[in-house]
Amino acid sequence: MAQQIAHLLSMTEHVHVLIVPAATGIHIGLPGPFALARTSEGRWIGHLESQLGGEVVDKDVGVAKLHMMWESVRDEALPRNPSVDLLKEVETYHGPQ
């Protein structure tokens, strides 16, 4: 886990890492990871992951649902800097492995 946290911290210059606190409890992001990306033409696409594989979401209705899910998760997450600070705190606590 220490290596994963170190990797996430190294990536925070390139991506936003937002942590949903455990105290939040059940929220819409728990069923599994998903991603949203914008193509060079400005069109949104999504990707859902599960234990059985991945699924590309490119229909407007599905992409809109993923955007709604993302906004819900983002509403529960700590802001960017506090998320990074929490990662640093956990990394310091656990130390290098």
PDB file of N, CA and C in Angstrom:
ATOM      1  N   MET A   1       0.814  -1.182   0.000  1.00  0.00           N
ATOM      2  CA  MET A   1       0.000   0.000   0.000  1.00  0.00           C
ATOM      3  C   MET A   1       0.866   1.258   0.000  1.00  0.00           C
ATOM      4  N   ALA A   2       1.995   1.221   0.681  1.00  0.00           N
ATOM      5  CA  ALA A   2       2.879   2.385   0.729  1.00  0.00           C
ATOM      6  C   ALA A   2       3.354   2.768  -0.671  1.00  0.00           C
ATOM      7  N   GLN A   3       3.656   1.772  -1.501  1.00  0.00           N
ATOM      8  CA  GLN A   3       4.101   2.053  -2.871  1.00  0.00           C
ATOM      9  C   GLN A   3       2.970   2.665  -3.694  1.00  0.00           C
ATOM     10  N   GLN A   4       1.739   2.205  -3.475  1.00  0.00           N
ATOM     11  CA  GLN A   4       0.599   2.759  -4.195  1.00  0.00           C
ATOM     12  C   GLN A   4       0.380   4.221  -3.806  1.00  0.00           C
ATOM     13  N   ILE A   5       0.487   4.503  -2.523  1.00  0.00           N
ATOM     14  CA  ILE A   5       0.314   5.883  -2.060  1.00  0.00           C
ATOM     15  C   ILE A   5       1.415   6.776  -2.621  1.00  0.00           C
ATOM     16  N   ALA A   6       2.651   6.291  -2.616  1.00  0.00           N
ATOM     17  CA  ALA A   6       3.764   7.060  -3.182  1.00  0.00           C
ATOM     18  C   ALA A   6       3.519   7.339  -4.662  1.00  0.00           C
ATOM     19  N   HIS A   7       3.009   6.346  -5.379  1.00  0.00           N
ATOM     20  CA  HIS A   7       2.727   6.535  -6.807  1.00  0.00           C
ATOM     21  C   HIS A   7       1.622   7.579  -7.005  1.00  0.00           C
ATOM     22  N   LEU A   8       0.550   7.483  -6.221  1.00  0.00           N
ATOM     23  CA  LEU A   8      -0.514   8.475  -6.317  1.00  0.00           C
ATOM     24  C   LEU A   8       0.021   9.876  -6.055  1.00  0.00           C
ATOM     25  N   LEU A   9       0.857  10.025  -5.029  1.00  0.00           N
ATOM     26  CA  LEU A   9       1.435  11.337  -4.726  1.00  0.00           C
ATOM     27  C   LEU A   9       2.287  11.848  -5.880  1.00  0.00           C
ATOM     28  N   SER A  10       3.033  10.952  -6.526  1.00  0.00           N
ATOM     29  CA  SER A  10       3.865  11.384  -7.655  1.00  0.00           C
ATOM     30  C   SER A  10       3.007  11.816  -8.847  1.00  0.00           C
ATOM     31  N   MET A  11       1.787  11.314  -8.935  1.00  0.00           N
ATOM     32  CA  MET A  11       0.909  11.634 -10.057  1.00  0.00           C
ATOM     33  C   MET A  11       0.087  12.899  -9.828  1.00  0.00           C
ATOM     34  N   THR A  12       0.097  13.434  -8.614  1.00  0.00           N
ATOM     35  CA  THR A  12      -0.775  14.576  -8.320  1.00  0.00           C
ATOM     36  C   THR A  12      -0.389  15.843  -9.078  1.00  0.00           C
ATOM     37  N   GLU A  13       0.773  15.844  -9.708  1.00  0.00           N
ATOM     38  CA  GLU A  13       1.134  16.984 -10.566  1.00  0.00           C
ATOM     39  C   GLU A  13       0.397  16.912 -11.900  1.00  0.00           C
ATOM     40  N   HIS A  14      -0.076  15.713 -12.264  1.00  0.00           N
ATOM     41  CA  HIS A  14      -0.684  15.496 -13.577  1.00  0.00           C
ATOM     42  C   HIS A  14      -2.178  15.189 -13.521  1.00  0.00           C
ATOM     43  N   VAL A  15      -2.633  14.659 -12.395  1.00  0.00           N
ATOM     44  CA  VAL A  15      -4.046  14.310 -12.240  1.00  0.00           C
ATOM     45  C   VAL A  15      -4.552  14.816 -10.898  1.00  0.00           C
ATOM     46  N   HIS A  16      -5.846  14.994 -10.797  1.00  0.00           N
ATOM     47  CA  HIS A  16      -6.454  15.380  -9.531  1.00  0.00           C
ATOM     48  C   HIS A  16      -6.839  14.114  -8.781  1.00  0.00           C
ATOM     49  N   VAL A  17      -6.361  13.983  -7.575  1.00  0.00           N
ATOM     50  CA  VAL A  17      -6.723  12.869  -6.707  1.00  0.00           C
ATOM     51  C   VAL A  17      -7.647  13.429  -5.635  1.00  0.00           C
ATOM     52  N   LEU A  18      -8.867  12.906  -5.597  1.00  0.00           N
ATOM     53  CA  LEU A  18      -9.846  13.338  -4.610  1.00  0.00           C
ATOM     54  C   LEU A  18     -10.245  12.128  -3.778  1.00  0.00           C
ATOM     55  N   ILE A  19     -10.161  12.249  -2.470  1.00  0.00           N
ATOM     56  CA  ILE A  19     -10.454  11.134  -1.585  1.00  0.00           C
ATOM     57  C   ILE A  19     -11.821  11.325  -0.950  1.00  0.00           C
ATOM     58  N   VAL A  20     -12.628  10.273  -1.013  1.00  0.00           N
ATOM     59  CA  VAL A  20     -13.913  10.269  -0.309  1.00  0.00           C
ATOM     60  C   VAL A  20     -13.646   9.667   1.067  1.00  0.00           C
ATOM     61  N   PRO A  21     -13.865  10.434   2.123  1.00  0.00           N
ATOM     62  CA  PRO A  21     -13.594   9.920   3.471  1.00  0.00           C
ATOM     63  C   PRO A  21     -14.452   8.694   3.796  1.00  0.00           C
ATOM     64  N   ALA A  22     -13.879   7.766   4.538  1.00  0.00           N
ATOM     65  CA  ALA A  22     -14.605   6.555   4.932  1.00  0.00           C
ATOM     66  C   ALA A  22     -15.863   6.897   5.721  1.00  0.00           C
ATOM     67  N   ALA A  23     -15.831   7.998   6.466  1.00  0.00           N
ATOM     68  CA  ALA A  23     -16.983   8.399   7.274  1.00  0.00           C
ATOM     69  C   ALA A  23     -18.195   8.752   6.415  1.00  0.00           C
ATOM     70  N   THR A  24     -17.993   8.953   5.107  1.00  0.00           N
ATOM     71  CA  THR A  24     -19.101   9.265   4.208  1.00  0.00           C
ATOM     72  C   THR A  24     -20.091   8.110   4.158  1.00  0.00           C
ATOM     73  N   GLY A  25     -19.577   6.897   4.305  1.00  0.00           N
ATOM     74  CA  GLY A  25     -20.459   5.731   4.237  1.00  0.00           C
ATOM     75  C   GLY A  25     -20.814   5.389   2.806  1.00  0.00           C
ATOM     76  N   ILE A  26     -22.017   4.909   2.616  1.00  0.00           N
ATOM     77  CA  ILE A  26     -22.458   4.475   1.291  1.00  0.00           C
ATOM     78  C   ILE A  26     -22.654   5.690   0.382  1.00  0.00           C
ATOM     79  N   HIS A  27     -22.071   5.599  -0.820  1.00  0.00           N
ATOM     80  CA  HIS A  27     -22.239   6.655  -1.824  1.00  0.00           C
ATOM     81  C   HIS A  27     -22.236   6.026  -3.209  1.00  0.00           C
ATOM     82  N   ILE A  28     -22.580   6.782  -4.197  1.00  0.00           N
ATOM     83  CA  ILE A  28     -22.809   6.270  -5.549  1.00  0.00           C
ATOM     84  C   ILE A  28     -21.536   5.741  -6.228  1.00  0.00           C
ATOM     85  N   GLY A  29     -20.367   6.099  -5.724  1.00  0.00           N
ATOM     86  CA  GLY A  29     -19.127   5.643  -6.343  1.00  0.00           C
ATOM     87  C   GLY A  29     -18.648   4.285  -5.868  1.00  0.00           C
ATOM     88  N   LEU A  30     -19.293   3.705  -4.888  1.00  0.00           N
ATOM     89  CA  LEU A  30     -18.836   2.440  -4.317  1.00  0.00           C
ATOM     90  C   LEU A  30     -18.946   1.223  -5.241  1.00  0.00           C
ATOM     91  N   PRO A  31     -19.916   1.154  -6.157  1.00  0.00           N
ATOM     92  CA  PRO A  31     -20.026  -0.054  -6.975  1.00  0.00           C
ATOM     93  C   PRO A  31     -18.803  -0.363  -7.838  1.00  0.00           C
ATOM     94  N   GLY A  32     -17.959   0.617  -8.116  1.00  0.00           N
ATOM     95  CA  GLY A  32     -16.761   0.332  -8.892  1.00  0.00           C
ATOM     96  C   GLY A  32     -16.239   1.551  -9.607  1.00  0.00           C
ATOM     97  N   PRO A  33     -15.002   1.420 -10.100  1.00  0.00           N
ATOM     98  CA  PRO A  33     -14.364   2.559 -10.761  1.00  0.00           C
ATOM     99  C   PRO A  33     -14.988   2.872 -12.115  1.00  0.00           C
ATOM    100  N   PHE A  34     -14.934   4.145 -12.451  1.00  0.00           N
ATOM    101  CA  PHE A  34     -15.340   4.591 -13.775  1.00  0.00           C
ATOM    102  C   PHE A  34     -14.485   5.791 -14.139  1.00  0.00           C
ATOM    103  N   ALA A  35     -14.409   6.068 -15.425  1.00  0.00           N
ATOM    104  CA  ALA A  35     -13.610   7.193 -15.914  1.00  0.00           C
ATOM    105  C   ALA A  35     -14.417   7.957 -16.957  1.00  0.00           C
ATOM    106  N   LEU A  36     -14.158   9.239 -17.021  1.00  0.00           N
ATOM    107  CA  LEU A  36     -14.718  10.099 -18.056  1.00  0.00           C
ATOM    108  C   LEU A  36     -13.565  10.797 -18.753  1.00  0.00           C
ATOM    109  N   ALA A  37     -13.659  10.898 -20.058  1.00  0.00           N
ATOM    110  CA  ALA A  37     -12.616  11.576 -20.819  1.00  0.00           C
ATOM    111  C   ALA A  37     -13.262  12.318 -21.982  1.00  0.00           C
ATOM    112  N   ARG A  38     -12.606  13.376 -22.396  1.00  0.00           N
ATOM    113  CA  ARG A  38     -13.085  14.152 -23.530  1.00  0.00           C
ATOM    114  C   ARG A  38     -12.164  13.888 -24.709  1.00  0.00           C
ATOM    115  N   THR A  39     -12.753  13.599 -25.859  1.00  0.00           N
ATOM    116  CA  THR A  39     -11.968  13.345 -27.062  1.00  0.00           C
ATOM    117  C   THR A  39     -11.429  14.669 -27.621  1.00  0.00           C
ATOM    118  N   SER A  40     -10.524  14.576 -28.564  1.00  0.00           N
ATOM    119  CA  SER A  40      -9.963  15.786 -29.177  1.00  0.00           C
ATOM    120  C   SER A  40     -11.040  16.579 -29.922  1.00  0.00           C
ATOM    121  N   GLU A  41     -12.148  15.912 -30.270  1.00  0.00           N
ATOM    122  CA  GLU A  41     -13.267  16.599 -30.928  1.00  0.00           C
ATOM    123  C   GLU A  41     -14.225  17.226 -29.918  1.00  0.00           C
ATOM    124  N   GLY A  42     -13.950  17.043 -28.618  1.00  0.00           N
ATOM    125  CA  GLY A  42     -14.790  17.624 -27.583  1.00  0.00           C
ATOM    126  C   GLY A  42     -15.933  16.742 -27.114  1.00  0.00           C
ATOM    127  N   ARG A  43     -15.993  15.516 -27.592  1.00  0.00           N
ATOM    128  CA  ARG A  43     -17.052  14.574 -27.212  1.00  0.00           C
ATOM    129  C   ARG A  43     -16.636  13.803 -25.965  1.00  0.00           C
ATOM    130  N   TRP A  44     -17.590  13.570 -25.060  1.00  0.00           N
ATOM    131  CA  TRP A  44     -17.312  12.826 -23.839  1.00  0.00           C
ATOM    132  C   TRP A  44     -17.540  11.339 -24.052  1.00  0.00           C
ATOM    133  N   ILE A  45     -16.663  10.532 -23.457  1.00  0.00           N
ATOM    134  CA  ILE A  45     -16.852   9.079 -23.416  1.00  0.00           C
ATOM    135  C   ILE A  45     -16.539   8.620 -21.991  1.00  0.00           C
ATOM    136  N   GLY A  46     -17.075   7.484 -21.641  1.00  0.00           N
ATOM    137  CA  GLY A  46     -16.841   6.951 -20.313  1.00  0.00           C
ATOM    138  C   GLY A  46     -16.352   5.522 -20.377  1.00  0.00           C
ATOM    139  N   HIS A  47     -15.890   5.033 -19.256  1.00  0.00           N
ATOM    140  CA  HIS A  47     -15.450   3.644 -19.149  1.00  0.00           C
ATOM    141  C   HIS A  47     -15.788   3.150 -17.747  1.00  0.00           C
ATOM    142  N   LEU A  48     -16.482   2.018 -17.694  1.00  0.00           N
ATOM    143  CA  LEU A  48     -16.830   1.384 -16.428  1.00  0.00           C
ATOM    144  C   LEU A  48     -15.976   0.140 -16.259  1.00  0.00           C
ATOM    145  N   GLU A  49     -15.533  -0.116 -15.045  1.00  0.00           N
ATOM    146  CA  GLU A  49     -14.757  -1.321 -14.764  1.00  0.00           C
ATOM    147  C   GLU A  49     -15.502  -2.176 -13.764  1.00  0.00           C
ATOM    148  N   SER A  50     -15.388  -3.484 -13.941  1.00  0.00           N
ATOM    149  CA  SER A  50     -15.949  -4.430 -12.985  1.00  0.00           C
ATOM    150  C   SER A  50     -14.997  -5.611 -12.887  1.00  0.00           C
ATOM    151  N   GLN A  51     -15.345  -6.556 -12.060  1.00  0.00           N
ATOM    152  CA  GLN A  51     -14.506  -7.739 -11.918  1.00  0.00           C
ATOM    153  C   GLN A  51     -14.506  -8.583 -13.184  1.00  0.00           C
ATOM    154  N   LEU A  52     -15.479  -8.372 -14.061  1.00  0.00           N
ATOM    155  CA  LEU A  52     -15.586  -9.158 -15.285  1.00  0.00           C
ATOM    156  C   LEU A  52     -14.991  -8.466 -16.497  1.00  0.00           C
ATOM    157  N   GLY A  53     -14.569  -7.223 -16.358  1.00  0.00           N
ATOM    158  CA  GLY A  53     -13.989  -6.508 -17.485  1.00  0.00           C
ATOM    159  C   GLY A  53     -14.416  -5.064 -17.510  1.00  0.00           C
ATOM    160  N   GLY A  54     -14.265  -4.445 -18.676  1.00  0.00           N
ATOM    161  CA  GLY A  54     -14.593  -3.040 -18.820  1.00  0.00           C
ATOM    162  C   GLY A  54     -15.642  -2.820 -19.889  1.00  0.00           C
ATOM    163  N   GLU A  55     -16.287  -1.674 -19.831  1.00  0.00           N
ATOM    164  CA  GLU A  55     -17.318  -1.326 -20.795  1.00  0.00           C
ATOM    165  C   GLU A  55     -17.162   0.140 -21.187  1.00  0.00           C
ATOM    166  N   VAL A  56     -17.083   0.397 -22.479  1.00  0.00           N
ATOM    167  CA  VAL A  56     -17.026   1.763 -22.989  1.00  0.00           C
ATOM    168  C   VAL A  56     -18.445   2.320 -23.019  1.00  0.00           C
ATOM    169  N   VAL A  57     -18.603   3.538 -22.545  1.00  0.00           N
ATOM    170  CA  VAL A  57     -19.903   4.218 -22.538  1.00  0.00           C
ATOM    171  C   VAL A  57     -19.779   5.420 -23.461  1.00  0.00           C
ATOM    172  N   ASP A  58     -20.487   5.376 -24.589  1.00  0.00           N
ATOM    173  CA  ASP A  58     -20.389   6.489 -25.529  1.00  0.00           C
ATOM    174  C   ASP A  58     -21.750   7.050 -25.949  1.00  0.00           C
ATOM    175  N   LYS A  59     -22.827   6.461 -25.472  1.00  0.00           N
ATOM    176  CA  LYS A  59     -24.164   6.987 -25.748  1.00  0.00           C
ATOM    177  C   LYS A  59     -24.433   8.160 -24.812  1.00  0.00           C
ATOM    178  N   ASP A  60     -25.123   9.180 -25.313  1.00  0.00           N
ATOM    179  CA  ASP A  60     -25.362  10.401 -24.537  1.00  0.00           C
ATOM    180  C   ASP A  60     -26.013  10.130 -23.185  1.00  0.00           C
ATOM    181  N   VAL A  61     -26.989   9.238 -23.135  1.00  0.00           N
ATOM    182  CA  VAL A  61     -27.687   8.951 -21.877  1.00  0.00           C
ATOM    183  C   VAL A  61     -26.725   8.347 -20.854  1.00  0.00           C
ATOM    184  N   GLY A  62     -25.898   7.401 -21.283  1.00  0.00           N
ATOM    185  CA  GLY A  62     -24.937   6.772 -20.387  1.00  0.00           C
ATOM    186  C   GLY A  62     -23.876   7.747 -19.902  1.00  0.00           C
ATOM    187  N   VAL A  63     -23.376   8.578 -20.811  1.00  0.00           N
ATOM    188  CA  VAL A  63     -22.362   9.574 -20.444  1.00  0.00           C
ATOM    189  C   VAL A  63     -22.954  10.586 -19.465  1.00  0.00           C
ATOM    190  N   ALA A  64     -24.204  10.987 -19.688  1.00  0.00           N
ATOM    191  CA  ALA A  64     -24.862  11.923 -18.766  1.00  0.00           C
ATOM    192  C   ALA A  64     -24.993  11.303 -17.374  1.00  0.00           C
ATOM    193  N   LYS A  65     -25.305  10.018 -17.314  1.00  0.00           N
ATOM    194  CA  LYS A  65     -25.419   9.330 -16.025  1.00  0.00           C
ATOM    195  C   LYS A  65     -24.065   9.280 -15.322  1.00  0.00           C
ATOM    196  N   LEU A  66     -22.991   9.015 -16.068  1.00  0.00           N
ATOM    197  CA  LEU A  66     -21.652   9.004 -15.475  1.00  0.00           C
ATOM    198  C   LEU A  66     -21.270  10.387 -14.963  1.00  0.00           C
ATOM    199  N   HIS A  67     -21.635  11.433 -15.696  1.00  0.00           N
ATOM    200  CA  HIS A  67     -21.367  12.799 -15.225  1.00  0.00           C
ATOM    201  C   HIS A  67     -22.102  13.062 -13.907  1.00  0.00           C
ATOM    202  N   MET A  68     -23.342  12.614 -13.820  1.00  0.00           N
ATOM    203  CA  MET A  68     -24.121  12.776 -12.592  1.00  0.00           C
ATOM    204  C   MET A  68     -23.444  12.007 -11.445  1.00  0.00           C
ATOM    205  N   MET A  69     -22.983  10.790 -11.734  1.00  0.00           N
ATOM    206  CA  MET A  69     -22.297  10.000 -10.712  1.00  0.00           C
ATOM    207  C   MET A  69     -21.020  10.710 -10.257  1.00  0.00           C
ATOM    208  N   TRP A  70     -20.267  11.244 -11.217  1.00  0.00           N
ATOM    209  CA  TRP A  70     -19.022  11.934 -10.888  1.00  0.00           C
ATOM    210  C   TRP A  70     -19.292  13.144  -9.994  1.00  0.00           C
ATOM    211  N   GLU A  71     -20.306  13.925 -10.340  1.00  0.00           N
ATOM    212  CA  GLU A  71     -20.631  15.100  -9.528  1.00  0.00           C
ATOM    213  C   GLU A  71     -21.026  14.686  -8.110  1.00  0.00           C
ATOM    214  N   SER A  72     -21.736  13.586  -7.981  1.00  0.00           N
ATOM    215  CA  SER A  72     -22.124  13.090  -6.666  1.00  0.00           C
ATOM    216  C   SER A  72     -20.897  12.662  -5.856  1.00  0.00           C
ATOM    217  N   VAL A  73     -19.988  11.936  -6.491  1.00  0.00           N
ATOM    218  CA  VAL A  73     -18.752  11.523  -5.812  1.00  0.00           C
ATOM    219  C   VAL A  73     -17.931  12.751  -5.433  1.00  0.00           C
ATOM    220  N   ARG A  74     -17.809  13.691  -6.344  1.00  0.00           N
ATOM    221  CA  ARG A  74     -17.019  14.897  -6.085  1.00  0.00           C
ATOM    222  C   ARG A  74     -17.603  15.718  -4.936  1.00  0.00           C
ATOM    223  N   ASP A  75     -18.936  15.700  -4.815  1.00  0.00           N
ATOM    224  CA  ASP A  75     -19.577  16.400  -3.704  1.00  0.00           C
ATOM    225  C   ASP A  75     -19.201  15.785  -2.356  1.00  0.00           C
ATOM    226  N   GLU A  76     -18.947  14.480  -2.326  1.00  0.00           N
ATOM    227  CA  GLU A  76     -18.594  13.781  -1.085  1.00  0.00           C
ATOM    228  C   GLU A  76     -17.089  13.830  -0.791  1.00  0.00           C
ATOM    229  N   ALA A  77     -16.287  14.059  -1.821  1.00  0.00           N
ATOM    230  CA  ALA A  77     -14.828  13.986  -1.690  1.00  0.00           C
ATOM    231  C   ALA A  77     -14.253  15.229  -1.016  1.00  0.00           C
ATOM    232  N   LEU A  78     -13.104  15.015  -0.400  1.00  0.00           N
ATOM    233  CA  LEU A  78     -12.329  16.144   0.102  1.00  0.00           C
ATOM    234  C   LEU A  78     -11.826  16.949  -1.089  1.00  0.00           C
ATOM    235  N   PRO A  79     -11.624  18.251  -0.949  1.00  0.00           N
ATOM    236  CA  PRO A  79     -11.013  19.026  -2.037  1.00  0.00           C
ATOM    237  C   PRO A  79      -9.601  18.501  -2.360  1.00  0.00           C
ATOM    238  N   ARG A  80      -9.059  18.967  -3.462  1.00  0.00           N
ATOM    239  CA  ARG A  80      -7.781  18.458  -3.967  1.00  0.00           C
ATOM    240  C   ARG A  80      -6.650  18.544  -2.936  1.00  0.00           C
ATOM    241  N   ASN A  81      -6.369  19.725  -2.396  1.00  0.00           N
ATOM    242  CA  ASN A  81      -5.237  19.862  -1.466  1.00  0.00           C
ATOM    243  C   ASN A  81      -5.419  19.055  -0.186  1.00  0.00           C
ATOM    244  N   PRO A  82      -6.594  19.066   0.446  1.00  0.00           N
ATOM    245  CA  PRO A  82      -6.771  18.206   1.615  1.00  0.00           C
ATOM    246  C   PRO A  82      -6.651  16.714   1.285  1.00  0.00           C
ATOM    247  N   SER A  83      -7.046  16.313   0.079  1.00  0.00           N
ATOM    248  CA  SER A  83      -6.877  14.913  -0.332  1.00  0.00           C
ATOM    249  C   SER A  83      -5.398  14.554  -0.417  1.00  0.00           C
ATOM    250  N   VAL A  84      -4.610  15.437  -1.032  1.00  0.00           N
ATOM    251  CA  VAL A  84      -3.167  15.206  -1.138  1.00  0.00           C
ATOM    252  C   VAL A  84      -2.527  15.210   0.248  1.00  0.00           C
ATOM    253  N   ASP A  85      -2.955  16.140   1.097  1.00  0.00           N
ATOM    254  CA  ASP A  85      -2.428  16.190   2.469  1.00  0.00           C
ATOM    255  C   ASP A  85      -2.726  14.893   3.218  1.00  0.00           C
ATOM    256  N   LEU A  86      -3.918  14.339   3.022  1.00  0.00           N
ATOM    257  CA  LEU A  86      -4.265  13.072   3.678  1.00  0.00           C
ATOM    258  C   LEU A  86      -3.388  11.943   3.164  1.00  0.00           C
ATOM    259  N   LEU A  87      -3.136  11.908   1.862  1.00  0.00           N
ATOM    260  CA  LEU A  87      -2.229  10.887   1.314  1.00  0.00           C
ATOM    261  C   LEU A  87      -0.837  11.011   1.933  1.00  0.00           C
ATOM    262  N   LYS A  88      -0.344  12.240   2.064  1.00  0.00           N
ATOM    263  CA  LYS A  88       0.975  12.455   2.666  1.00  0.00           C
ATOM    264  C   LYS A  88       0.990  12.002   4.125  1.00  0.00           C
ATOM    265  N   GLU A  89      -0.090  12.283   4.832  1.00  0.00           N
ATOM    266  CA  GLU A  89      -0.186  11.869   6.243  1.00  0.00           C
ATOM    267  C   GLU A  89      -0.168  10.346   6.357  1.00  0.00           C
ATOM    268  N   VAL A  90      -0.912   9.674   5.505  1.00  0.00           N
ATOM    269  CA  VAL A  90      -0.942   8.214   5.526  1.00  0.00           C
ATOM    270  C   VAL A  90       0.424   7.651   5.129  1.00  0.00           C
ATOM    271  N   GLU A  91       1.060   8.270   4.137  1.00  0.00           N
ATOM    272  CA  GLU A  91       2.385   7.811   3.715  1.00  0.00           C
ATOM    273  C   GLU A  91       3.386   7.953   4.863  1.00  0.00           C
ATOM    274  N   THR A  92       3.351   9.063   5.568  1.00  0.00           N
ATOM    275  CA  THR A  92       4.247   9.289   6.693  1.00  0.00           C
ATOM    276  C   THR A  92       3.975   8.283   7.810  1.00  0.00           C
ATOM    277  N   TYR A  93       2.710   8.026   8.071  1.00  0.00           N
ATOM    278  CA  TYR A  93       2.321   7.104   9.134  1.00  0.00           C
ATOM    279  C   TYR A  93       2.795   5.681   8.846  1.00  0.00           C
ATOM    280  N   HIS A  94       2.617   5.251   7.592  1.00  0.00           N
ATOM    281  CA  HIS A  94       2.975   3.884   7.234  1.00  0.00           C
ATOM    282  C   HIS A  94       4.455   3.731   6.896  1.00  0.00           C
ATOM    283  N   GLY A  95       5.090   4.810   6.473  1.00  0.00           N
ATOM    284  CA  GLY A  95       6.518   4.767   6.160  1.00  0.00           C
ATOM    285  C   GLY A  95       6.811   3.894   4.958  1.00  0.00           C
ATOM    286  N   PRO A  96       8.036   3.985   4.431  1.00  0.00           N
ATOM    287  CA  PRO A  96       8.417   3.163   3.286  1.00  0.00           C
ATOM    288  C   PRO A  96       8.462   1.698   3.672  1.00  0.00           C
ATOM    289  N   GLN A  97       8.067   0.855   2.746  1.00  0.00           N
ATOM    290  CA  GLN A  97       8.061  -0.598   2.997  1.00  0.00           C
ATOM    291  C   GLN A  97       9.310  -1.238   2.436  1.00  0.00           C
TER     292      GLN A  97
END
